[in-house]
């Protein structure tokens, strides 16, 4: 099974999906734990992508 490469766009969409699921009062504790863990991974990925992009922009302006 091939894994799709994570992009900022796909991470953002997945984060929005997780946020919607977390707003649902019917999420059980086991799913909640998995959703929060995955959400954290995605947030860290997005932060790093933004930081990296910002550095590239700064370098190209010099």
PDB file of N, CA and C in Angstrom:
ATOM      1  N   UNK A   1       0.846  -1.170   0.000  1.00  0.00           N
ATOM      2  CA  UNK A   1       0.000   0.000   0.000  1.00  0.00           C
ATOM      3  C   UNK A   1       0.896   1.239   0.000  1.00  0.00           C
ATOM      4  N   UNK A   2       0.688   2.126  -0.965  1.00  0.00           N
ATOM      5  CA  UNK A   2       1.525   3.321  -1.022  1.00  0.00           C
ATOM      6  C   UNK A   2       0.897   4.439  -0.209  1.00  0.00           C
ATOM      7  N   UNK A   3       1.739   5.149   0.506  1.00  0.00           N
ATOM      8  CA  UNK A   3       1.257   6.270   1.322  1.00  0.00           C
ATOM      9  C   UNK A   3       1.305   7.541   0.499  1.00  0.00           C
ATOM     10  N   UNK A   4       0.232   8.315   0.576  1.00  0.00           N
ATOM     11  CA  UNK A   4       0.186   9.603  -0.090  1.00  0.00           C
ATOM     12  C   UNK A   4       1.075  10.574   0.687  1.00  0.00           C
ATOM     13  N   UNK A   5       1.897  11.338  -0.054  1.00  0.00           N
ATOM     14  CA  UNK A   5       2.788  12.300   0.603  1.00  0.00           C
ATOM     15  C   UNK A   5       1.955  13.404   1.239  1.00  0.00           C
ATOM     16  N   UNK A   6       2.276  13.709   2.468  1.00  0.00           N
ATOM     17  CA  UNK A   6       1.557  14.742   3.201  1.00  0.00           C
ATOM     18  C   UNK A   6       1.946  16.112   2.664  1.00  0.00           C
ATOM     19  N   UNK A   7       0.955  16.924   2.370  1.00  0.00           N
ATOM     20  CA  UNK A   7       1.172  18.298   1.932  1.00  0.00           C
ATOM     21  C   UNK A   7       0.503  19.223   2.933  1.00  0.00           C
ATOM     22  N   UNK A   8       0.845  20.502   2.836  1.00  0.00           N
ATOM     23  CA  UNK A   8       0.215  21.477   3.719  1.00  0.00           C
ATOM     24  C   UNK A   8      -1.301  21.460   3.516  1.00  0.00           C
ATOM     25  N   UNK A   9      -1.720  21.404   2.250  1.00  0.00           N
ATOM     26  CA  UNK A   9      -3.147  21.412   1.931  1.00  0.00           C
ATOM     27  C   UNK A   9      -3.859  20.195   2.527  1.00  0.00           C
ATOM     28  N   UNK A  10      -3.284  19.005   2.342  1.00  0.00           N
ATOM     29  CA  UNK A  10      -3.934  17.805   2.870  1.00  0.00           C
ATOM     30  C   UNK A  10      -3.929  17.797   4.400  1.00  0.00           C
ATOM     31  N   UNK A  11      -2.851  18.301   5.006  1.00  0.00           N
ATOM     32  CA  UNK A  11      -2.793  18.379   6.471  1.00  0.00           C
ATOM     33  C   UNK A  11      -3.848  19.343   6.993  1.00  0.00           C
ATOM     34  N   UNK A  12      -3.996  20.467   6.319  1.00  0.00           N
ATOM     35  CA  UNK A  12      -4.997  21.457   6.724  1.00  0.00           C
ATOM     36  C   UNK A  12      -6.408  20.881   6.622  1.00  0.00           C
ATOM     37  N   UNK A  13      -6.676  20.181   5.544  1.00  0.00           N
ATOM     38  CA  UNK A  13      -7.993  19.556   5.374  1.00  0.00           C
ATOM     39  C   UNK A  13      -8.247  18.509   6.450  1.00  0.00           C
ATOM     40  N   UNK A  14      -7.234  17.704   6.747  1.00  0.00           N
ATOM     41  CA  UNK A  14      -7.390  16.687   7.789  1.00  0.00           C
ATOM     42  C   UNK A  14      -7.605  17.336   9.158  1.00  0.00           C
ATOM     43  N   UNK A  15      -6.897  18.433   9.416  1.00  0.00           N
ATOM     44  CA  UNK A  15      -7.096  19.154  10.684  1.00  0.00           C
ATOM     45  C   UNK A  15      -8.527  19.679  10.795  1.00  0.00           C
ATOM     46  N   UNK A  16      -9.053  20.211   9.701  1.00  0.00           N
ATOM     47  CA  UNK A  16     -10.444  20.685   9.712  1.00  0.00           C
ATOM     48  C   UNK A  16     -11.412  19.538   9.986  1.00  0.00           C
ATOM     49  N   UNK A  17     -11.119  18.379   9.409  1.00  0.00           N
ATOM     50  CA  UNK A  17     -11.961  17.209   9.638  1.00  0.00           C
ATOM     51  C   UNK A  17     -11.886  16.774  11.098  1.00  0.00           C
ATOM     52  N   UNK A  18     -10.699  16.779  11.660  1.00  0.00           N
ATOM     53  CA  UNK A  18     -10.529  16.414  13.070  1.00  0.00           C
ATOM     54  C   UNK A  18     -11.262  17.401  13.969  1.00  0.00           C
ATOM     55  N   UNK A  19     -11.161  18.685  13.664  1.00  0.00           N
ATOM     56  CA  UNK A  19     -11.854  19.702  14.460  1.00  0.00           C
ATOM     57  C   UNK A  19     -13.357  19.455  14.445  1.00  0.00           C
ATOM     58  N   UNK A  20     -13.893  19.099  13.291  1.00  0.00           N
ATOM     59  CA  UNK A  20     -15.332  18.809  13.191  1.00  0.00           C
ATOM     60  C   UNK A  20     -15.702  17.608  14.052  1.00  0.00           C
ATOM     61  N   UNK A  21     -14.852  16.584  14.010  1.00  0.00           N
ATOM     62  CA  UNK A  21     -15.117  15.386  14.815  1.00  0.00           C
ATOM     63  C   UNK A  21     -15.050  15.700  16.307  1.00  0.00           C
ATOM     64  N   UNK A  22     -14.109  16.563  16.703  1.00  0.00           N
ATOM     65  CA  UNK A  22     -13.969  16.904  18.113  1.00  0.00           C
ATOM     66  C   UNK A  22     -15.153  17.715  18.631  1.00  0.00           C
ATOM     67  N   UNK A  23     -15.820  18.430  17.727  1.00  0.00           N
ATOM     68  CA  UNK A  23     -17.003  19.194  18.126  1.00  0.00           C
ATOM     69  C   UNK A  23     -18.207  18.293  18.378  1.00  0.00           C
ATOM     70  N   UNK A  24     -18.133  17.060  17.905  1.00  0.00           N
ATOM     71  CA  UNK A  24     -19.211  16.095  18.091  1.00  0.00           C
ATOM     72  C   UNK A  24     -19.157  15.547  19.516  1.00  0.00           C
ATOM     73  N   UNK A  25     -20.244  15.682  20.227  1.00  0.00           N
ATOM     74  CA  UNK A  25     -20.287  15.222  21.623  1.00  0.00           C
ATOM     75  C   UNK A  25     -20.257  13.701  21.758  1.00  0.00           C
ATOM     76  N   UNK A  26     -20.345  12.981  20.646  1.00  0.00           N
ATOM     77  CA  UNK A  26     -20.399  11.524  20.704  1.00  0.00           C
ATOM     78  C   UNK A  26     -19.049  10.844  20.502  1.00  0.00           C
ATOM     79  N   UNK A  27     -17.960  11.585  20.524  1.00  0.00           N
ATOM     80  CA  UNK A  27     -16.635  11.000  20.349  1.00  0.00           C
ATOM     81  C   UNK A  27     -16.256  10.274  21.636  1.00  0.00           C
ATOM     82  N   UNK A  28     -15.896   8.987  21.491  1.00  0.00           N
ATOM     83  CA  UNK A  28     -15.503   8.246  22.697  1.00  0.00           C
ATOM     84  C   UNK A  28     -14.046   8.556  23.043  1.00  0.00           C
ATOM     85  N   UNK A  29     -13.660   8.226  24.239  1.00  0.00           N
ATOM     86  CA  UNK A  29     -12.352   8.625  24.772  1.00  0.00           C
ATOM     87  C   UNK A  29     -11.204   8.027  23.980  1.00  0.00           C
ATOM     88  N   UNK A  30     -11.357   6.794  23.479  1.00  0.00           N
ATOM     89  CA  UNK A  30     -10.291   6.176  22.702  1.00  0.00           C
ATOM     90  C   UNK A  30     -10.084   6.915  21.376  1.00  0.00           C
ATOM     91  N   UNK A  31     -11.179   7.266  20.713  1.00  0.00           N
ATOM     92  CA  UNK A  31     -11.086   8.027  19.468  1.00  0.00           C
ATOM     93  C   UNK A  31     -10.572   9.432  19.735  1.00  0.00           C
ATOM     94  N   UNK A  32     -10.987  10.005  20.844  1.00  0.00           N
ATOM     95  CA  UNK A  32     -10.542  11.348  21.212  1.00  0.00           C
ATOM     96  C   UNK A  32      -9.020  11.386  21.339  1.00  0.00           C
ATOM     97  N   UNK A  33      -8.471  10.399  21.999  1.00  0.00           N
ATOM     98  CA  UNK A  33      -7.019  10.326  22.178  1.00  0.00           C
ATOM     99  C   UNK A  33      -6.307  10.255  20.823  1.00  0.00           C
ATOM    100  N   UNK A  34      -6.818   9.418  19.913  1.00  0.00           N
ATOM    101  CA  UNK A  34      -6.214   9.281  18.589  1.00  0.00           C
ATOM    102  C   UNK A  34      -6.334  10.575  17.782  1.00  0.00           C
ATOM    103  N   UNK A  35      -7.491  11.211  17.857  1.00  0.00           N
ATOM    104  CA  UNK A  35      -7.716  12.453  17.112  1.00  0.00           C
ATOM    105  C   UNK A  35      -6.799  13.568  17.598  1.00  0.00           C
ATOM    106  N   UNK A  36      -6.648  13.686  18.909  1.00  0.00           N
ATOM    107  CA  UNK A  36      -5.791  14.728  19.471  1.00  0.00           C
ATOM    108  C   UNK A  36      -4.331  14.463  19.092  1.00  0.00           C
ATOM    109  N   UNK A  37      -3.905  13.216  19.162  1.00  0.00           N
ATOM    110  CA  UNK A  37      -2.533  12.872  18.807  1.00  0.00           C
ATOM    111  C   UNK A  37      -2.267  13.185  17.337  1.00  0.00           C
ATOM    112  N   UNK A  38      -3.172  12.787  16.456  1.00  0.00           N
ATOM    113  CA  UNK A  38      -3.001  13.055  15.027  1.00  0.00           C
ATOM    114  C   UNK A  38      -3.060  14.563  14.753  1.00  0.00           C
ATOM    115  N   UNK A  39      -3.937  15.249  15.438  1.00  0.00           N
ATOM    116  CA  UNK A  39      -4.038  16.700  15.275  1.00  0.00           C
ATOM    117  C   UNK A  39      -2.733  17.379  15.640  1.00  0.00           C
ATOM    118  N   UNK A  40      -2.122  16.950  16.700  1.00  0.00           N
ATOM    119  CA  UNK A  40      -0.833  17.524  17.119  1.00  0.00           C
ATOM    120  C   UNK A  40       0.237  17.280  16.062  1.00  0.00           C
ATOM    121  N   UNK A  41       0.283  16.069  15.526  1.00  0.00           N
ATOM    122  CA  UNK A  41       1.248  15.749  14.472  1.00  0.00           C
ATOM    123  C   UNK A  41       1.046  16.678  13.266  1.00  0.00           C
ATOM    124  N   UNK A  42      -0.202  16.890  12.894  1.00  0.00           N
ATOM    125  CA  UNK A  42      -0.505  17.725  11.732  1.00  0.00           C
ATOM    126  C   UNK A  42      -0.162  19.191  11.981  1.00  0.00           C
ATOM    127  N   UNK A  43      -0.443  19.671  13.181  1.00  0.00           N
ATOM    128  CA  UNK A  43      -0.111  21.053  13.531  1.00  0.00           C
ATOM    129  C   UNK A  43       1.402  21.250  13.462  1.00  0.00           C
ATOM    130  N   UNK A  44       2.154  20.321  14.009  1.00  0.00           N
ATOM    131  CA  UNK A  44       3.615  20.427  13.969  1.00  0.00           C
ATOM    132  C   UNK A  44       4.126  20.399  12.536  1.00  0.00           C
ATOM    133  N   UNK A  45       3.536  19.543  11.705  1.00  0.00           N
ATOM    134  CA  UNK A  45       3.919  19.485  10.296  1.00  0.00           C
ATOM    135  C   UNK A  45       3.659  20.829   9.620  1.00  0.00           C
ATOM    136  N   UNK A  46       2.480  21.392   9.838  1.00  0.00           N
ATOM    137  CA  UNK A  46       2.123  22.676   9.220  1.00  0.00           C
ATOM    138  C   UNK A  46       3.023  23.798   9.705  1.00  0.00           C
ATOM    139  N   UNK A  47       3.325  23.820  10.981  1.00  0.00           N
ATOM    140  CA  UNK A  47       4.221  24.854  11.514  1.00  0.00           C
ATOM    141  C   UNK A  47       5.592  24.763  10.870  1.00  0.00           C
ATOM    142  N   UNK A  48       6.114  23.554  10.722  1.00  0.00           N
ATOM    143  CA  UNK A  48       7.427  23.368  10.112  1.00  0.00           C
ATOM    144  C   UNK A  48       7.395  23.764   8.637  1.00  0.00           C
ATOM    145  N   UNK A  49       6.333  23.429   7.954  1.00  0.00           N
ATOM    146  CA  UNK A  49       6.210  23.795   6.541  1.00  0.00           C
ATOM    147  C   UNK A  49       6.181  25.314   6.387  1.00  0.00           C
ATOM    148  N   UNK A  50       5.445  25.988   7.225  1.00  0.00           N
ATOM    149  CA  UNK A  50       5.387  27.449   7.170  1.00  0.00           C
ATOM    150  C   UNK A  50       6.750  28.071   7.494  1.00  0.00           C
ATOM    151  N   UNK A  51       7.434  27.542   8.498  1.00  0.00           N
ATOM    152  CA  UNK A  51       8.752  28.041   8.868  1.00  0.00           C
ATOM    153  C   UNK A  51       9.742  27.862   7.722  1.00  0.00           C
ATOM    154  N   UNK A  52       9.726  26.697   7.127  1.00  0.00           N
ATOM    155  CA  UNK A  52      10.616  26.390   6.016  1.00  0.00           C
ATOM    156  C   UNK A  52      10.338  27.300   4.814  1.00  0.00           C
ATOM    157  N   UNK A  53       9.086  27.500   4.526  1.00  0.00           N
ATOM    158  CA  UNK A  53       8.705  28.368   3.406  1.00  0.00           C
ATOM    159  C   UNK A  53       9.137  29.799   3.671  1.00  0.00           C
ATOM    160  N   UNK A  54       8.963  30.254   4.897  1.00  0.00           N
ATOM    161  CA  UNK A  54       9.373  31.607   5.255  1.00  0.00           C
ATOM    162  C   UNK A  54      10.884  31.776   5.085  1.00  0.00           C
ATOM    163  N   UNK A  55      11.659  30.773   5.492  1.00  0.00           N
ATOM    164  CA  UNK A  55      13.114  30.838   5.326  1.00  0.00           C
ATOM    165  C   UNK A  55      13.495  30.891   3.856  1.00  0.00           C
ATOM    166  N   UNK A  56      12.828  30.111   3.021  1.00  0.00           N
ATOM    167  CA  UNK A  56      13.114  30.112   1.585  1.00  0.00           C
ATOM    168  C   UNK A  56      12.817  31.476   0.967  1.00  0.00           C
ATOM    169  N   UNK A  57      11.737  32.092   1.390  1.00  0.00           N
ATOM    170  CA  UNK A  57      11.368  33.407   0.879  1.00  0.00           C
ATOM    171  C   UNK A  57      12.431  34.433   1.279  1.00  0.00           C
ATOM    172  N   UNK A  58      12.856  34.392   2.539  1.00  0.00           N
ATOM    173  CA  UNK A  58      13.887  35.314   3.004  1.00  0.00           C
ATOM    174  C   UNK A  58      15.172  35.155   2.206  1.00  0.00           C
ATOM    175  N   UNK A  59      15.580  33.898   1.935  1.00  0.00           N
ATOM    176  CA  UNK A  59      16.799  33.641   1.172  1.00  0.00           C
ATOM    177  C   UNK A  59      16.681  34.155  -0.255  1.00  0.00           C
ATOM    178  N   UNK A  60      15.519  34.011  -0.834  1.00  0.00           N
ATOM    179  CA  UNK A  60      15.345  34.445  -2.230  1.00  0.00           C
ATOM    180  C   UNK A  60      15.300  35.960  -2.360  1.00  0.00           C
ATOM    181  N   UNK A  61      14.998  36.658  -1.270  1.00  0.00           N
ATOM    182  CA  UNK A  61      14.952  38.115  -1.281  1.00  0.00           C
ATOM    183  C   UNK A  61      16.340  38.734  -1.138  1.00  0.00           C
ATOM    184  N   UNK A  62      17.313  37.953  -0.719  1.00  0.00           N
ATOM    185  CA  UNK A  62      18.664  38.487  -0.484  1.00  0.00           C
ATOM    186  C   UNK A  62      19.453  38.609  -1.765  1.00  0.00           C
TER     187      UNK A  62
END
